[in-house]
Amino acid sequence: MAEQETRIKTYKEFYPFYLSEHENKICRRLHFTGTALLFVDVIYLIIAGLWAEFWWTLPLIGYGFAWVGHYFFEKNKPATFKYPLWSLISDFKMFFQMLTGKIK
């Protein structure tokens, strides 16, 4: 019989797990870069009036950098696959914590 995985039930439990999946400095920097570029892309698409045509670039930018960090540097599977909403929220939270120096 296969061992059953325990699911995290609250966001309060999830965020420390999320940070533990992002201990590699290069992985965190790639996350930061992808999220920063995501914000730039959103602003550009809105100002340029290109939202309708190019909204699909957002997940490519946001997830592209992050997944490179996980596969090549952190060597784990992104939490996005099991906890998509909490992972998205956590990515933004980690970004702002890095931006303010709370996370190095």
N, C-alpha and C. Protein backbone atom coordinates (compact mmCIF):
# COMPACT_ATOMS: atom_id res chain seq x y z
N MET A 1 0.84 -1.17 0.00
CA MET A 1 0.00 0.00 0.00
C MET A 1 0.89 1.25 0.00
N ALA A 2 0.57 2.22 -0.85
CA ALA A 2 1.37 3.44 -0.96
C ALA A 2 1.16 4.32 0.26
N GLU A 3 2.23 4.99 0.67
CA GLU A 3 2.15 5.90 1.79
C GLU A 3 1.41 7.17 1.37
N GLN A 4 0.44 7.58 2.15
CA GLN A 4 -0.35 8.75 1.82
C GLN A 4 0.35 10.02 2.31
N GLU A 5 0.38 11.01 1.44
CA GLU A 5 1.02 12.28 1.77
C GLU A 5 0.07 13.15 2.60
N THR A 6 0.62 13.80 3.60
CA THR A 6 -0.17 14.71 4.43
C THR A 6 -0.30 16.05 3.72
N ARG A 7 -1.54 16.51 3.56
CA ARG A 7 -1.78 17.82 2.93
C ARG A 7 -1.72 18.91 3.98
N ILE A 8 -1.15 20.03 3.59
CA ILE A 8 -1.12 21.20 4.45
C ILE A 8 -2.51 21.81 4.42
N LYS A 9 -3.04 22.13 5.60
CA LYS A 9 -4.43 22.56 5.67
C LYS A 9 -4.63 24.07 5.83
N THR A 10 -3.60 24.79 6.28
CA THR A 10 -3.76 26.23 6.47
C THR A 10 -2.59 26.98 5.81
N TYR A 11 -2.86 28.23 5.45
CA TYR A 11 -1.79 29.04 4.87
C TYR A 11 -0.68 29.30 5.88
N LYS A 12 -1.06 29.43 7.15
CA LYS A 12 -0.07 29.64 8.21
C LYS A 12 0.95 28.49 8.24
N GLU A 13 0.50 27.29 7.98
CA GLU A 13 1.40 26.13 7.90
C GLU A 13 2.16 26.12 6.57
N PHE A 14 1.49 26.60 5.52
CA PHE A 14 2.05 26.50 4.18
C PHE A 14 3.27 27.41 3.98
N TYR A 15 3.19 28.66 4.43
CA TYR A 15 4.27 29.60 4.10
C TYR A 15 5.64 29.16 4.59
N PRO A 16 5.79 28.64 5.82
CA PRO A 16 7.11 28.11 6.20
C PRO A 16 7.58 26.96 5.30
N PHE A 17 6.63 26.11 4.90
CA PHE A 17 6.96 25.04 3.94
C PHE A 17 7.44 25.66 2.63
N TYR A 18 6.73 26.67 2.15
CA TYR A 18 7.08 27.34 0.89
C TYR A 18 8.50 27.89 0.97
N LEU A 19 8.83 28.57 2.06
CA LEU A 19 10.18 29.11 2.22
C LEU A 19 11.23 28.01 2.26
N SER A 20 10.88 26.87 2.86
CA SER A 20 11.84 25.76 2.91
C SER A 20 12.10 25.18 1.53
N GLU A 21 11.18 25.38 0.61
CA GLU A 21 11.35 24.92 -0.77
C GLU A 21 12.11 25.95 -1.61
N HIS A 22 12.51 27.06 -0.99
CA HIS A 22 13.22 28.14 -1.69
C HIS A 22 14.46 28.56 -0.91
N GLU A 23 15.24 27.61 -0.47
CA GLU A 23 16.43 27.92 0.32
C GLU A 23 17.63 28.31 -0.55
N ASN A 24 17.64 27.85 -1.79
CA ASN A 24 18.74 28.16 -2.69
C ASN A 24 18.67 29.63 -3.12
N LYS A 25 19.76 30.34 -2.94
CA LYS A 25 19.81 31.78 -3.23
C LYS A 25 19.51 32.09 -4.70
N ILE A 26 20.01 31.28 -5.60
CA ILE A 26 19.77 31.52 -7.03
C ILE A 26 18.29 31.29 -7.35
N CYS A 27 17.71 30.27 -6.77
CA CYS A 27 16.28 30.01 -6.98
C CYS A 27 15.46 31.20 -6.51
N ARG A 28 15.75 31.71 -5.32
CA ARG A 28 15.02 32.88 -4.80
C ARG A 28 15.21 34.08 -5.70
N ARG A 29 16.41 34.29 -6.19
CA ARG A 29 16.67 35.44 -7.07
C ARG A 29 15.93 35.30 -8.40
N LEU A 30 15.84 34.08 -8.90
CA LEU A 30 15.08 33.87 -10.13
C LEU A 30 13.59 34.13 -9.90
N HIS A 31 13.07 33.71 -8.75
CA HIS A 31 11.69 34.04 -8.39
C HIS A 31 11.49 35.55 -8.35
N PHE A 32 12.41 36.23 -7.68
CA PHE A 32 12.33 37.68 -7.56
C PHE A 32 12.34 38.35 -8.93
N THR A 33 13.25 37.91 -9.79
CA THR A 33 13.36 38.47 -11.14
C THR A 33 12.08 38.24 -11.93
N GLY A 34 11.57 37.02 -11.90
CA GLY A 34 10.34 36.71 -12.63
C GLY A 34 9.16 37.54 -12.15
N THR A 35 9.04 37.71 -10.84
CA THR A 35 7.93 38.49 -10.29
C THR A 35 8.09 39.97 -10.63
N ALA A 36 9.31 40.48 -10.55
CA ALA A 36 9.54 41.89 -10.91
C ALA A 36 9.19 42.11 -12.38
N LEU A 37 9.63 41.21 -13.25
CA LEU A 37 9.31 41.34 -14.68
C LEU A 37 7.82 41.19 -14.94
N LEU A 38 7.17 40.38 -14.14
CA LEU A 38 5.72 40.23 -14.25
C LEU A 38 5.03 41.57 -13.99
N PHE A 39 5.44 42.28 -12.94
CA PHE A 39 4.87 43.60 -12.65
C PHE A 39 5.14 44.58 -13.80
N VAL A 40 6.36 44.56 -14.31
CA VAL A 40 6.72 45.43 -15.43
C VAL A 40 5.85 45.10 -16.65
N ASP A 41 5.68 43.83 -16.92
CA ASP A 41 4.88 43.39 -18.06
C ASP A 41 3.42 43.84 -17.92
N VAL A 42 2.85 43.67 -16.72
CA VAL A 42 1.47 44.09 -16.49
C VAL A 42 1.32 45.59 -16.77
N ILE A 43 2.22 46.38 -16.21
CA ILE A 43 2.16 47.83 -16.40
C ILE A 43 2.29 48.19 -17.89
N TYR A 44 3.27 47.57 -18.54
CA TYR A 44 3.48 47.84 -19.97
C TYR A 44 2.24 47.46 -20.79
N LEU A 45 1.69 46.28 -20.57
CA LEU A 45 0.54 45.84 -21.35
C LEU A 45 -0.66 46.75 -21.15
N ILE A 46 -0.85 47.23 -19.93
CA ILE A 46 -1.97 48.14 -19.66
C ILE A 46 -1.74 49.49 -20.35
N ILE A 47 -0.54 50.06 -20.17
CA ILE A 47 -0.23 51.38 -20.76
C ILE A 47 -0.27 51.32 -22.29
N ALA A 48 0.30 50.25 -22.86
CA ALA A 48 0.37 50.12 -24.31
C ALA A 48 -0.96 49.66 -24.92
N GLY A 49 -1.90 49.31 -24.09
CA GLY A 49 -3.19 48.85 -24.60
C GLY A 49 -3.11 47.49 -25.27
N LEU A 50 -2.19 46.67 -24.81
CA LEU A 50 -1.97 45.36 -25.42
C LEU A 50 -2.44 44.21 -24.54
N TRP A 51 -3.18 44.51 -23.48
CA TRP A 51 -3.59 43.49 -22.53
C TRP A 51 -4.30 42.32 -23.21
N ALA A 52 -5.26 42.63 -24.06
CA ALA A 52 -6.08 41.58 -24.70
C ALA A 52 -5.24 40.64 -25.55
N GLU A 53 -4.22 41.17 -26.20
CA GLU A 53 -3.39 40.35 -27.09
C GLU A 53 -2.28 39.58 -26.37
N PHE A 54 -1.77 40.12 -25.27
CA PHE A 54 -0.56 39.54 -24.69
C PHE A 54 -0.65 39.18 -23.21
N TRP A 55 -1.84 39.06 -22.65
CA TRP A 55 -2.00 38.65 -21.24
C TRP A 55 -1.34 37.30 -20.99
N TRP A 56 -1.30 36.44 -22.02
CA TRP A 56 -0.75 35.09 -21.88
C TRP A 56 0.74 35.10 -21.57
N THR A 57 1.42 36.24 -21.74
CA THR A 57 2.86 36.29 -21.43
C THR A 57 3.11 36.28 -19.92
N LEU A 58 2.11 36.65 -19.14
CA LEU A 58 2.29 36.74 -17.69
C LEU A 58 2.70 35.42 -17.04
N PRO A 59 1.98 34.32 -17.30
CA PRO A 59 2.43 33.06 -16.68
C PRO A 59 3.79 32.58 -17.21
N LEU A 60 4.08 32.88 -18.46
CA LEU A 60 5.39 32.48 -19.00
C LEU A 60 6.52 33.17 -18.25
N ILE A 61 6.34 34.44 -18.01
CA ILE A 61 7.37 35.20 -17.29
C ILE A 61 7.42 34.78 -15.83
N GLY A 62 6.29 34.82 -15.18
CA GLY A 62 6.24 34.52 -13.75
C GLY A 62 6.70 33.11 -13.42
N TYR A 63 6.15 32.13 -14.12
CA TYR A 63 6.51 30.75 -13.83
C TYR A 63 7.82 30.33 -14.47
N GLY A 64 8.15 30.90 -15.60
CA GLY A 64 9.38 30.51 -16.31
C GLY A 64 10.62 30.65 -15.46
N PHE A 65 10.81 31.83 -14.90
CA PHE A 65 11.98 32.06 -14.06
C PHE A 65 11.96 31.17 -12.82
N ALA A 66 10.79 31.06 -12.20
CA ALA A 66 10.67 30.26 -10.98
C ALA A 66 10.99 28.79 -11.25
N TRP A 67 10.44 28.25 -12.31
CA TRP A 67 10.64 26.83 -12.58
C TRP A 67 12.08 26.51 -12.95
N VAL A 68 12.76 27.42 -13.63
CA VAL A 68 14.19 27.23 -13.89
C VAL A 68 14.93 27.13 -12.56
N GLY A 69 14.58 27.99 -11.62
CA GLY A 69 15.20 27.96 -10.30
C GLY A 69 14.98 26.65 -9.58
N HIS A 70 13.77 26.12 -9.68
CA HIS A 70 13.46 24.86 -8.99
C HIS A 70 14.17 23.67 -9.64
N TYR A 71 14.09 23.58 -10.95
CA TYR A 71 14.62 22.40 -11.63
C TYR A 71 16.14 22.36 -11.65
N PHE A 72 16.79 23.51 -11.82
CA PHE A 72 18.24 23.51 -11.98
C PHE A 72 19.02 23.86 -10.71
N PHE A 73 18.41 24.57 -9.78
CA PHE A 73 19.16 25.02 -8.61
C PHE A 73 18.62 24.44 -7.30
N GLU A 74 17.32 24.51 -7.11
CA GLU A 74 16.73 24.00 -5.88
C GLU A 74 16.58 22.47 -5.95
N LYS A 75 16.40 21.98 -7.17
CA LYS A 75 16.26 20.54 -7.46
C LYS A 75 15.05 19.94 -6.73
N ASN A 76 13.92 20.64 -6.85
CA ASN A 76 12.66 20.13 -6.30
C ASN A 76 11.51 20.52 -7.23
N LYS A 77 10.35 19.98 -6.96
CA LYS A 77 9.16 20.33 -7.75
C LYS A 77 8.52 21.56 -7.15
N PRO A 78 8.13 22.51 -7.98
CA PRO A 78 7.46 23.70 -7.46
C PRO A 78 6.17 23.33 -6.70
N ALA A 79 5.94 24.02 -5.61
CA ALA A 79 4.73 23.79 -4.80
C ALA A 79 3.47 24.16 -5.58
N THR A 80 3.63 24.89 -6.67
CA THR A 80 2.51 25.31 -7.51
C THR A 80 1.67 24.12 -7.97
N PHE A 81 2.31 22.99 -8.18
CA PHE A 81 1.58 21.83 -8.70
C PHE A 81 0.58 21.27 -7.69
N LYS A 82 0.86 21.42 -6.39
CA LYS A 82 -0.06 20.88 -5.38
C LYS A 82 -0.87 21.97 -4.67
N TYR A 83 -0.31 23.17 -4.60
CA TYR A 83 -0.96 24.27 -3.88
C TYR A 83 -0.90 25.53 -4.76
N PRO A 84 -1.63 25.57 -5.86
CA PRO A 84 -1.47 26.68 -6.81
C PRO A 84 -1.77 28.08 -6.25
N LEU A 85 -2.87 28.25 -5.55
CA LEU A 85 -3.23 29.58 -5.06
C LEU A 85 -2.29 30.02 -3.94
N TRP A 86 -2.02 29.15 -2.99
CA TRP A 86 -1.11 29.49 -1.90
C TRP A 86 0.29 29.77 -2.41
N SER A 87 0.70 29.06 -3.44
CA SER A 87 2.03 29.29 -4.02
C SER A 87 2.11 30.66 -4.69
N LEU A 88 1.05 31.03 -5.39
CA LEU A 88 1.02 32.34 -6.04
C LEU A 88 1.07 33.45 -4.99
N ILE A 89 0.25 33.33 -3.96
CA ILE A 89 0.24 34.31 -2.87
C ILE A 89 1.62 34.37 -2.21
N SER A 90 2.21 33.22 -1.98
CA SER A 90 3.52 33.15 -1.32
C SER A 90 4.62 33.74 -2.17
N ASP A 91 4.52 33.59 -3.49
CA ASP A 91 5.52 34.17 -4.37
C ASP A 91 5.53 35.69 -4.22
N PHE A 92 4.34 36.28 -4.19
CA PHE A 92 4.26 37.73 -4.01
C PHE A 92 4.73 38.13 -2.61
N LYS A 93 4.36 37.37 -1.61
CA LYS A 93 4.79 37.66 -0.24
C LYS A 93 6.32 37.58 -0.13
N MET A 94 6.91 36.52 -0.70
CA MET A 94 8.36 36.38 -0.67
C MET A 94 9.03 37.52 -1.44
N PHE A 95 8.46 37.91 -2.57
CA PHE A 95 8.99 39.01 -3.37
C PHE A 95 9.08 40.29 -2.53
N PHE A 96 7.97 40.64 -1.86
CA PHE A 96 7.96 41.87 -1.08
C PHE A 96 8.83 41.76 0.17
N GLN A 97 8.96 40.57 0.73
CA GLN A 97 9.87 40.39 1.85
C GLN A 97 11.32 40.51 1.40
N MET A 98 11.63 40.06 0.20
CA MET A 98 12.98 40.23 -0.34
C MET A 98 13.22 41.70 -0.66
N LEU A 99 12.22 42.35 -1.23
CA LEU A 99 12.33 43.76 -1.60
C LEU A 99 12.60 44.63 -0.38
N THR A 100 12.00 44.31 0.74
CA THR A 100 12.17 45.09 1.97
C THR A 100 13.32 44.59 2.85
N GLY A 101 14.01 43.54 2.43
CA GLY A 101 15.17 43.05 3.17
C GLY A 101 14.84 42.07 4.28
N LYS A 102 13.58 41.69 4.41
CA LYS A 102 13.22 40.72 5.45
C LYS A 102 13.77 39.34 5.12
N ILE A 103 13.83 39.04 3.83
CA ILE A 103 14.46 37.80 3.35
C ILE A 103 15.64 38.23 2.49
N LYS A 104 16.77 37.64 2.73
CA LYS A 104 17.98 37.98 1.97
C LYS A 104 18.00 37.25 0.65
